[in-house]
N, C-alpha and C. Protein backbone atom coordinates (compact mmCIF):
# COMPACT_ATOMS: atom_id res chain seq x y z
N MET A 1 -147.71 18.44 137.01
CA MET A 1 -148.67 18.74 135.96
C MET A 1 -148.57 17.65 134.89
N ASP A 2 -149.71 17.17 134.41
CA ASP A 2 -149.72 16.12 133.39
C ASP A 2 -149.30 16.71 132.03
N PRO A 3 -148.90 15.86 131.06
CA PRO A 3 -148.40 16.35 129.76
C PRO A 3 -149.40 17.23 128.99
N LEU A 4 -150.68 16.88 129.00
CA LEU A 4 -151.66 17.70 128.28
C LEU A 4 -151.82 19.07 128.94
N SER A 5 -151.77 19.12 130.24
CA SER A 5 -151.85 20.41 130.94
C SER A 5 -150.62 21.25 130.63
N LEU A 6 -149.45 20.60 130.56
CA LEU A 6 -148.23 21.32 130.20
C LEU A 6 -148.33 21.89 128.79
N LEU A 7 -148.84 21.09 127.87
CA LEU A 7 -149.03 21.53 126.48
C LEU A 7 -149.95 22.75 126.44
N ARG A 8 -151.08 22.65 127.11
CA ARG A 8 -152.04 23.76 127.12
C ARG A 8 -151.44 25.01 127.76
N HIS A 9 -150.71 24.82 128.86
CA HIS A 9 -150.10 25.94 129.56
C HIS A 9 -149.07 26.64 128.68
N ARG A 10 -148.19 25.86 128.05
CA ARG A 10 -147.15 26.45 127.18
C ARG A 10 -147.78 27.16 125.99
N ALA A 11 -148.75 26.52 125.35
CA ALA A 11 -149.41 27.12 124.20
C ALA A 11 -150.11 28.41 124.61
N SER A 12 -150.76 28.40 125.75
CA SER A 12 -151.45 29.59 126.24
C SER A 12 -150.49 30.74 126.48
N LYS A 13 -149.33 30.44 127.04
CA LYS A 13 -148.31 31.48 127.28
C LYS A 13 -147.88 32.12 125.97
N LEU A 14 -147.90 31.34 124.89
CA LEU A 14 -147.49 31.85 123.58
C LEU A 14 -148.66 32.40 122.77
N GLY A 15 -149.86 32.33 123.34
CA GLY A 15 -151.04 32.83 122.65
C GLY A 15 -151.47 31.95 121.48
N LYS A 16 -151.25 30.64 121.60
CA LYS A 16 -151.56 29.72 120.51
C LYS A 16 -152.54 28.65 120.97
N ASP A 17 -153.27 28.12 120.00
CA ASP A 17 -154.07 26.92 120.26
C ASP A 17 -153.10 25.79 120.59
N PRO A 18 -153.44 24.92 121.53
CA PRO A 18 -152.57 23.77 121.81
C PRO A 18 -152.32 22.92 120.56
N GLU A 19 -153.34 22.80 119.73
CA GLU A 19 -153.19 21.99 118.52
C GLU A 19 -152.18 22.62 117.55
N VAL A 20 -152.20 23.93 117.44
CA VAL A 20 -151.25 24.63 116.56
C VAL A 20 -149.84 24.48 117.11
N TYR A 21 -149.69 24.66 118.39
CA TYR A 21 -148.39 24.51 119.03
C TYR A 21 -147.83 23.11 118.79
N LEU A 22 -148.66 22.11 118.96
CA LEU A 22 -148.24 20.73 118.73
C LEU A 22 -147.87 20.49 117.27
N LEU A 23 -148.67 21.01 116.34
CA LEU A 23 -148.37 20.86 114.92
C LEU A 23 -147.03 21.49 114.55
N GLU A 24 -146.73 22.64 115.14
CA GLU A 24 -145.46 23.29 114.86
C GLU A 24 -144.30 22.38 115.22
N HIS A 25 -144.43 21.71 116.33
CA HIS A 25 -143.35 20.82 116.77
C HIS A 25 -143.32 19.53 115.95
N LEU A 26 -144.46 18.99 115.62
CA LEU A 26 -144.50 17.77 114.81
C LEU A 26 -143.94 18.01 113.41
N SER A 27 -144.17 19.19 112.87
CA SER A 27 -143.73 19.47 111.50
C SER A 27 -142.22 19.43 111.36
N ARG A 28 -141.50 19.58 112.43
CA ARG A 28 -140.03 19.53 112.40
C ARG A 28 -139.50 18.13 112.16
N ASP A 29 -140.33 17.12 112.42
CA ASP A 29 -139.88 15.74 112.35
C ASP A 29 -140.30 14.99 111.10
N VAL A 30 -140.91 15.68 110.14
CA VAL A 30 -141.37 14.99 108.93
C VAL A 30 -140.77 15.66 107.70
N ASP A 31 -140.71 14.91 106.60
CA ASP A 31 -140.16 15.49 105.37
C ASP A 31 -141.18 16.43 104.73
N PRO A 32 -140.73 17.28 103.80
CA PRO A 32 -141.63 18.29 103.23
C PRO A 32 -142.91 17.72 102.62
N GLY A 33 -142.85 16.61 101.91
CA GLY A 33 -144.06 16.02 101.35
C GLY A 33 -145.05 15.62 102.41
N GLU A 34 -144.54 15.07 103.49
CA GLU A 34 -145.42 14.69 104.60
C GLU A 34 -145.99 15.93 105.29
N ARG A 35 -145.20 17.01 105.32
CA ARG A 35 -145.69 18.24 105.93
C ARG A 35 -146.89 18.79 105.18
N VAL A 36 -146.84 18.75 103.86
CA VAL A 36 -147.97 19.23 103.07
C VAL A 36 -149.22 18.46 103.45
N GLU A 37 -149.10 17.14 103.50
CA GLU A 37 -150.24 16.29 103.88
C GLU A 37 -150.69 16.59 105.31
N MET A 38 -149.73 16.80 106.20
CA MET A 38 -150.05 17.07 107.60
C MET A 38 -150.83 18.39 107.71
N TYR A 39 -150.39 19.42 106.99
CA TYR A 39 -151.08 20.70 107.04
C TYR A 39 -152.49 20.60 106.45
N LEU A 40 -152.64 19.85 105.37
CA LEU A 40 -153.97 19.68 104.78
C LEU A 40 -154.89 18.92 105.73
N ALA A 41 -154.36 17.88 106.36
CA ALA A 41 -155.16 17.13 107.34
C ALA A 41 -155.54 18.01 108.52
N ALA A 42 -154.58 18.83 108.97
CA ALA A 42 -154.86 19.74 110.08
C ALA A 42 -155.92 20.76 109.68
N SER A 43 -155.85 21.25 108.45
CA SER A 43 -156.85 22.20 107.97
C SER A 43 -158.24 21.58 108.04
N ARG A 44 -158.36 20.34 107.59
CA ARG A 44 -159.66 19.67 107.64
C ARG A 44 -160.13 19.48 109.08
N TRP A 45 -159.21 19.10 109.97
CA TRP A 45 -159.58 18.90 111.37
C TRP A 45 -160.06 20.22 111.99
N PHE A 46 -159.28 21.29 111.79
CA PHE A 46 -159.67 22.59 112.34
C PHE A 46 -161.02 23.03 111.78
N TRP A 47 -161.26 22.78 110.49
CA TRP A 47 -162.53 23.16 109.88
C TRP A 47 -163.69 22.44 110.57
N GLU A 48 -163.56 21.12 110.68
CA GLU A 48 -164.63 20.33 111.29
C GLU A 48 -164.86 20.73 112.74
N GLU A 49 -163.78 20.95 113.47
CA GLU A 49 -163.90 21.35 114.87
C GLU A 49 -164.53 22.75 114.97
N GLY A 50 -164.13 23.65 114.10
CA GLY A 50 -164.71 24.99 114.10
C GLY A 50 -166.20 24.97 113.81
N MET A 51 -166.60 24.19 112.85
CA MET A 51 -168.03 24.10 112.52
C MET A 51 -168.81 23.45 113.66
N ARG A 52 -168.22 22.47 114.32
CA ARG A 52 -168.87 21.83 115.47
C ARG A 52 -169.06 22.84 116.59
N LEU A 53 -168.02 23.62 116.87
CA LEU A 53 -168.09 24.63 117.92
C LEU A 53 -169.08 25.74 117.57
N LEU A 54 -169.12 26.11 116.30
CA LEU A 54 -170.07 27.13 115.87
C LEU A 54 -171.51 26.65 116.07
N GLU A 55 -171.75 25.42 115.69
CA GLU A 55 -173.08 24.84 115.87
C GLU A 55 -173.46 24.80 117.35
N ALA A 56 -172.46 24.57 118.21
CA ALA A 56 -172.70 24.51 119.65
C ALA A 56 -172.82 25.90 120.28
N GLY A 57 -172.56 26.95 119.48
CA GLY A 57 -172.71 28.31 119.98
C GLY A 57 -171.46 28.92 120.58
N ASP A 58 -170.31 28.22 120.49
CA ASP A 58 -169.06 28.77 121.02
C ASP A 58 -168.38 29.56 119.91
N VAL A 59 -168.85 30.79 119.72
CA VAL A 59 -168.45 31.62 118.58
C VAL A 59 -166.96 31.96 118.61
N ARG A 60 -166.43 32.27 119.78
CA ARG A 60 -165.01 32.65 119.86
C ARG A 60 -164.10 31.47 119.52
N GLN A 61 -164.33 30.33 120.13
CA GLN A 61 -163.49 29.17 119.83
C GLN A 61 -163.68 28.71 118.38
N ALA A 62 -164.90 28.77 117.90
CA ALA A 62 -165.17 28.40 116.51
C ALA A 62 -164.39 29.31 115.57
N SER A 63 -164.38 30.60 115.88
CA SER A 63 -163.66 31.56 115.05
C SER A 63 -162.19 31.20 114.93
N GLU A 64 -161.58 30.87 116.05
CA GLU A 64 -160.14 30.56 116.02
C GLU A 64 -159.86 29.26 115.27
N LYS A 65 -160.72 28.29 115.44
CA LYS A 65 -160.52 27.02 114.72
C LYS A 65 -160.70 27.22 113.21
N LEU A 66 -161.70 27.98 112.81
CA LEU A 66 -161.92 28.23 111.38
C LEU A 66 -160.76 29.03 110.80
N TRP A 67 -160.27 30.00 111.54
CA TRP A 67 -159.09 30.76 111.13
C TRP A 67 -157.91 29.81 110.94
N ASN A 68 -157.71 28.94 111.90
CA ASN A 68 -156.58 28.01 111.80
C ASN A 68 -156.75 27.03 110.64
N ALA A 69 -157.97 26.71 110.27
CA ALA A 69 -158.18 25.86 109.09
C ALA A 69 -157.60 26.54 107.85
N VAL A 70 -157.82 27.84 107.74
CA VAL A 70 -157.29 28.60 106.60
C VAL A 70 -155.76 28.67 106.68
N VAL A 71 -155.25 28.99 107.85
CA VAL A 71 -153.80 29.12 108.01
C VAL A 71 -153.10 27.80 107.68
N GLN A 72 -153.66 26.68 108.12
CA GLN A 72 -153.04 25.40 107.82
C GLN A 72 -153.05 25.10 106.33
N ALA A 73 -154.12 25.49 105.64
CA ALA A 73 -154.17 25.32 104.18
C ALA A 73 -153.09 26.17 103.51
N VAL A 74 -152.94 27.41 103.97
CA VAL A 74 -151.91 28.29 103.41
C VAL A 74 -150.52 27.73 103.70
N LYS A 75 -150.33 27.17 104.88
CA LYS A 75 -149.04 26.55 105.20
C LYS A 75 -148.77 25.36 104.26
N ALA A 76 -149.80 24.60 103.93
CA ALA A 76 -149.63 23.49 102.99
C ALA A 76 -149.14 24.02 101.64
N TYR A 77 -149.76 25.10 101.18
CA TYR A 77 -149.34 25.71 99.91
C TYR A 77 -147.91 26.21 100.01
N ALA A 78 -147.60 26.92 101.08
CA ALA A 78 -146.25 27.45 101.27
C ALA A 78 -145.22 26.32 101.29
N GLU A 79 -145.53 25.28 102.01
CA GLU A 79 -144.63 24.14 102.10
C GLU A 79 -144.41 23.51 100.72
N ALA A 80 -145.50 23.35 99.97
CA ALA A 80 -145.43 22.73 98.65
C ALA A 80 -144.62 23.57 97.66
N THR A 81 -144.58 24.89 97.89
CA THR A 81 -143.88 25.78 96.97
C THR A 81 -142.54 26.24 97.52
N GLY A 82 -142.14 25.69 98.64
CA GLY A 82 -140.82 26.00 99.20
C GLY A 82 -140.73 27.34 99.92
N MET A 83 -141.86 27.88 100.31
CA MET A 83 -141.85 29.16 101.02
C MET A 83 -141.82 28.94 102.54
N PRO A 84 -141.08 29.77 103.25
CA PRO A 84 -141.15 29.69 104.72
C PRO A 84 -142.52 30.16 105.19
N HIS A 85 -142.94 29.69 106.35
CA HIS A 85 -144.30 30.01 106.81
C HIS A 85 -144.43 29.98 108.32
N ASP A 86 -143.35 30.36 108.99
CA ASP A 86 -143.36 30.23 110.46
C ASP A 86 -143.65 31.54 111.19
N SER A 87 -144.30 32.47 110.51
CA SER A 87 -144.73 33.70 111.19
C SER A 87 -145.96 34.24 110.45
N HIS A 88 -146.65 35.13 111.10
CA HIS A 88 -147.83 35.75 110.50
C HIS A 88 -147.43 36.50 109.22
N ARG A 89 -146.30 37.18 109.27
CA ARG A 89 -145.81 37.92 108.10
C ARG A 89 -145.56 36.97 106.93
N LEU A 90 -144.99 35.81 107.20
CA LEU A 90 -144.70 34.86 106.13
C LEU A 90 -145.96 34.18 105.60
N ILE A 91 -146.95 34.00 106.45
CA ILE A 91 -148.25 33.49 105.98
C ILE A 91 -148.84 34.50 105.00
N TRP A 92 -148.75 35.78 105.33
CA TRP A 92 -149.24 36.81 104.42
C TRP A 92 -148.46 36.79 103.10
N ALA A 93 -147.16 36.53 103.16
CA ALA A 93 -146.36 36.45 101.92
C ALA A 93 -146.87 35.31 101.04
N ALA A 94 -147.21 34.19 101.66
CA ALA A 94 -147.75 33.06 100.90
C ALA A 94 -149.11 33.43 100.31
N VAL A 95 -149.92 34.15 101.06
CA VAL A 95 -151.22 34.59 100.55
C VAL A 95 -151.03 35.53 99.36
N ARG A 96 -150.07 36.44 99.47
CA ARG A 96 -149.81 37.33 98.33
C ARG A 96 -149.40 36.54 97.09
N ARG A 97 -148.61 35.49 97.27
CA ARG A 97 -148.24 34.66 96.12
C ARG A 97 -149.47 33.95 95.56
N LEU A 98 -150.32 33.43 96.43
CA LEU A 98 -151.57 32.81 95.98
C LEU A 98 -152.41 33.81 95.18
N ALA A 99 -152.38 35.06 95.62
CA ALA A 99 -153.21 36.09 94.99
C ALA A 99 -152.70 36.51 93.62
N ARG A 100 -151.49 36.13 93.26
CA ARG A 100 -150.98 36.46 91.93
C ARG A 100 -151.89 35.90 90.83
N ASP A 101 -152.42 34.71 91.07
CA ASP A 101 -153.30 34.07 90.09
C ASP A 101 -154.77 34.20 90.42
N ASN A 102 -155.07 34.66 91.63
CA ASN A 102 -156.46 34.81 92.06
C ASN A 102 -156.51 35.93 93.09
N ALA A 103 -156.67 37.15 92.60
CA ALA A 103 -156.62 38.33 93.48
C ALA A 103 -157.64 38.28 94.61
N GLU A 104 -158.72 37.56 94.40
CA GLU A 104 -159.76 37.47 95.43
C GLU A 104 -159.24 36.84 96.73
N VAL A 105 -158.22 35.99 96.62
CA VAL A 105 -157.68 35.33 97.80
C VAL A 105 -157.19 36.35 98.83
N LEU A 106 -156.58 37.41 98.36
CA LEU A 106 -156.07 38.44 99.27
C LEU A 106 -157.22 39.09 100.04
N THR A 107 -158.26 39.44 99.34
CA THR A 107 -159.43 40.07 99.97
C THR A 107 -160.11 39.10 100.94
N LEU A 108 -160.26 37.86 100.51
CA LEU A 108 -160.88 36.85 101.37
C LEU A 108 -160.07 36.63 102.64
N PHE A 109 -158.75 36.53 102.48
CA PHE A 109 -157.89 36.28 103.64
C PHE A 109 -157.97 37.45 104.63
N ALA A 110 -157.95 38.66 104.11
CA ALA A 110 -158.05 39.83 104.98
C ALA A 110 -159.37 39.82 105.76
N ALA A 111 -160.45 39.43 105.09
CA ALA A 111 -161.75 39.35 105.77
C ALA A 111 -161.76 38.24 106.81
N VAL A 112 -161.23 37.09 106.44
CA VAL A 112 -161.24 35.92 107.32
C VAL A 112 -160.36 36.15 108.55
N GLU A 113 -159.39 37.03 108.42
CA GLU A 113 -158.53 37.33 109.57
C GLU A 113 -159.35 37.88 110.74
N GLN A 114 -160.53 38.40 110.45
CA GLN A 114 -161.42 38.86 111.51
C GLN A 114 -161.79 37.72 112.46
N LEU A 115 -161.78 36.50 111.96
CA LEU A 115 -162.07 35.35 112.83
C LEU A 115 -161.02 35.24 113.92
N HIS A 116 -159.77 35.43 113.55
CA HIS A 116 -158.67 35.38 114.53
C HIS A 116 -158.82 36.51 115.54
N ILE A 117 -159.12 37.69 115.06
CA ILE A 117 -159.31 38.85 115.94
C ILE A 117 -160.49 38.61 116.88
N ASN A 118 -161.53 37.97 116.36
CA ASN A 118 -162.72 37.70 117.18
C ASN A 118 -162.39 36.81 118.37
N PHE A 119 -161.45 35.91 118.22
CA PHE A 119 -161.06 35.04 119.33
C PHE A 119 -160.63 35.89 120.53
N TYR A 120 -159.94 36.99 120.28
CA TYR A 120 -159.45 37.85 121.35
C TYR A 120 -160.44 38.95 121.73
N GLU A 121 -161.17 39.47 120.75
CA GLU A 121 -162.02 40.63 120.99
C GLU A 121 -163.50 40.30 121.19
N GLY A 122 -163.96 39.20 120.63
CA GLY A 122 -165.37 38.83 120.77
C GLY A 122 -166.33 39.80 120.12
N HIS A 123 -165.92 40.40 119.00
CA HIS A 123 -166.75 41.42 118.36
C HIS A 123 -167.71 40.88 117.31
N LEU A 124 -167.59 39.61 116.94
CA LEU A 124 -168.46 39.03 115.92
C LEU A 124 -169.60 38.24 116.54
N GLU A 125 -170.72 38.25 115.84
CA GLU A 125 -171.85 37.43 116.24
C GLU A 125 -171.85 36.16 115.40
N LYS A 126 -172.67 35.21 115.78
CA LYS A 126 -172.70 33.91 115.10
C LYS A 126 -172.94 34.07 113.60
N ASP A 127 -173.86 34.93 113.20
CA ASP A 127 -174.13 35.14 111.78
C ASP A 127 -172.90 35.66 111.04
N ASP A 128 -172.13 36.54 111.69
CA ASP A 128 -170.91 37.06 111.09
C ASP A 128 -169.91 35.93 110.85
N VAL A 129 -169.76 35.07 111.85
CA VAL A 129 -168.82 33.96 111.74
C VAL A 129 -169.26 32.99 110.66
N GLU A 130 -170.56 32.74 110.58
CA GLU A 130 -171.06 31.86 109.52
C GLU A 130 -170.75 32.44 108.14
N HIS A 131 -170.92 33.74 107.99
CA HIS A 131 -170.61 34.42 106.72
C HIS A 131 -169.12 34.31 106.40
N LEU A 132 -168.28 34.58 107.38
CA LEU A 132 -166.83 34.51 107.16
C LEU A 132 -166.36 33.07 106.96
N ALA A 133 -167.06 32.11 107.54
CA ALA A 133 -166.72 30.71 107.33
C ALA A 133 -166.85 30.34 105.85
N LYS A 134 -167.84 30.90 105.19
CA LYS A 134 -168.00 30.64 103.75
C LYS A 134 -166.81 31.20 102.97
N LYS A 135 -166.33 32.36 103.37
CA LYS A 135 -165.15 32.96 102.74
C LYS A 135 -163.92 32.09 103.01
N ALA A 136 -163.82 31.60 104.23
CA ALA A 136 -162.70 30.74 104.59
C ALA A 136 -162.70 29.48 103.75
N LYS A 137 -163.87 28.91 103.56
CA LYS A 137 -163.99 27.68 102.77
C LYS A 137 -163.52 27.90 101.34
N HIS A 138 -163.78 29.08 100.78
CA HIS A 138 -163.31 29.38 99.42
C HIS A 138 -161.78 29.31 99.34
N ILE A 139 -161.11 29.87 100.33
CA ILE A 139 -159.65 29.85 100.34
C ILE A 139 -159.15 28.42 100.45
N ILE A 140 -159.72 27.67 101.37
CA ILE A 140 -159.28 26.28 101.59
C ILE A 140 -159.48 25.46 100.32
N GLU A 141 -160.63 25.58 99.71
CA GLU A 141 -160.91 24.81 98.50
C GLU A 141 -159.99 25.23 97.35
N TYR A 142 -159.69 26.51 97.26
CA TYR A 142 -158.77 26.99 96.23
C TYR A 142 -157.39 26.37 96.41
N VAL A 143 -156.89 26.41 97.64
CA VAL A 143 -155.57 25.83 97.92
C VAL A 143 -155.57 24.33 97.67
N GLU A 144 -156.60 23.63 98.13
CA GLU A 144 -156.68 22.18 97.88
C GLU A 144 -156.69 21.90 96.39
N GLY A 145 -157.38 22.71 95.62
CA GLY A 145 -157.40 22.54 94.18
C GLY A 145 -156.02 22.72 93.56
N LEU A 146 -155.29 23.72 94.02
CA LEU A 146 -153.93 23.94 93.53
C LEU A 146 -153.01 22.78 93.87
N LEU A 147 -153.22 22.20 95.02
CA LEU A 147 -152.37 21.12 95.46
C LEU A 147 -152.85 19.76 94.98
N GLY A 148 -153.81 19.77 94.08
CA GLY A 148 -154.28 18.52 93.50
C GLY A 148 -155.21 17.74 94.39
N GLY A 149 -155.83 18.43 95.35
CA GLY A 149 -156.80 17.74 96.21
C GLY A 149 -156.20 16.61 97.01
N ARG A 150 -154.94 16.75 97.40
CA ARG A 150 -154.26 15.69 98.19
C ARG A 150 -155.11 15.32 99.39
N ARG A 151 -155.20 14.05 99.66
CA ARG A 151 -155.96 13.59 100.83
C ARG A 151 -155.25 12.41 101.43
């Protein structure tokens, strides 16, 4: 099996996007400042890929990519503030901290989590995903603003 097939196979066994699985491993080899930048760059990539897939009509894949755009932004925030972020529970902890200064973030994140669920359940239609994408963008922009718009 070639390396990309191995990556996809392993990520699939763990229920993860291959890109997320790869990012998890890459993040171990960089210093914290670089990790923040890496997560922000990954957030932008997932966002662009999600919007491309949504435009192409692949609602399920678009949903997961848009969800991951938000998660990567939250990981950037967690990394910048010294919070662990290697589980869904810890991502929620970072979101709760974000919500201390902006309670709307908690509500938006809970709504946007439907994108992740849609990847598995297929319960959302394209219009739903477009609506939730706007909510996702609010979270991403808020986090980028807090982090000084690092690019």
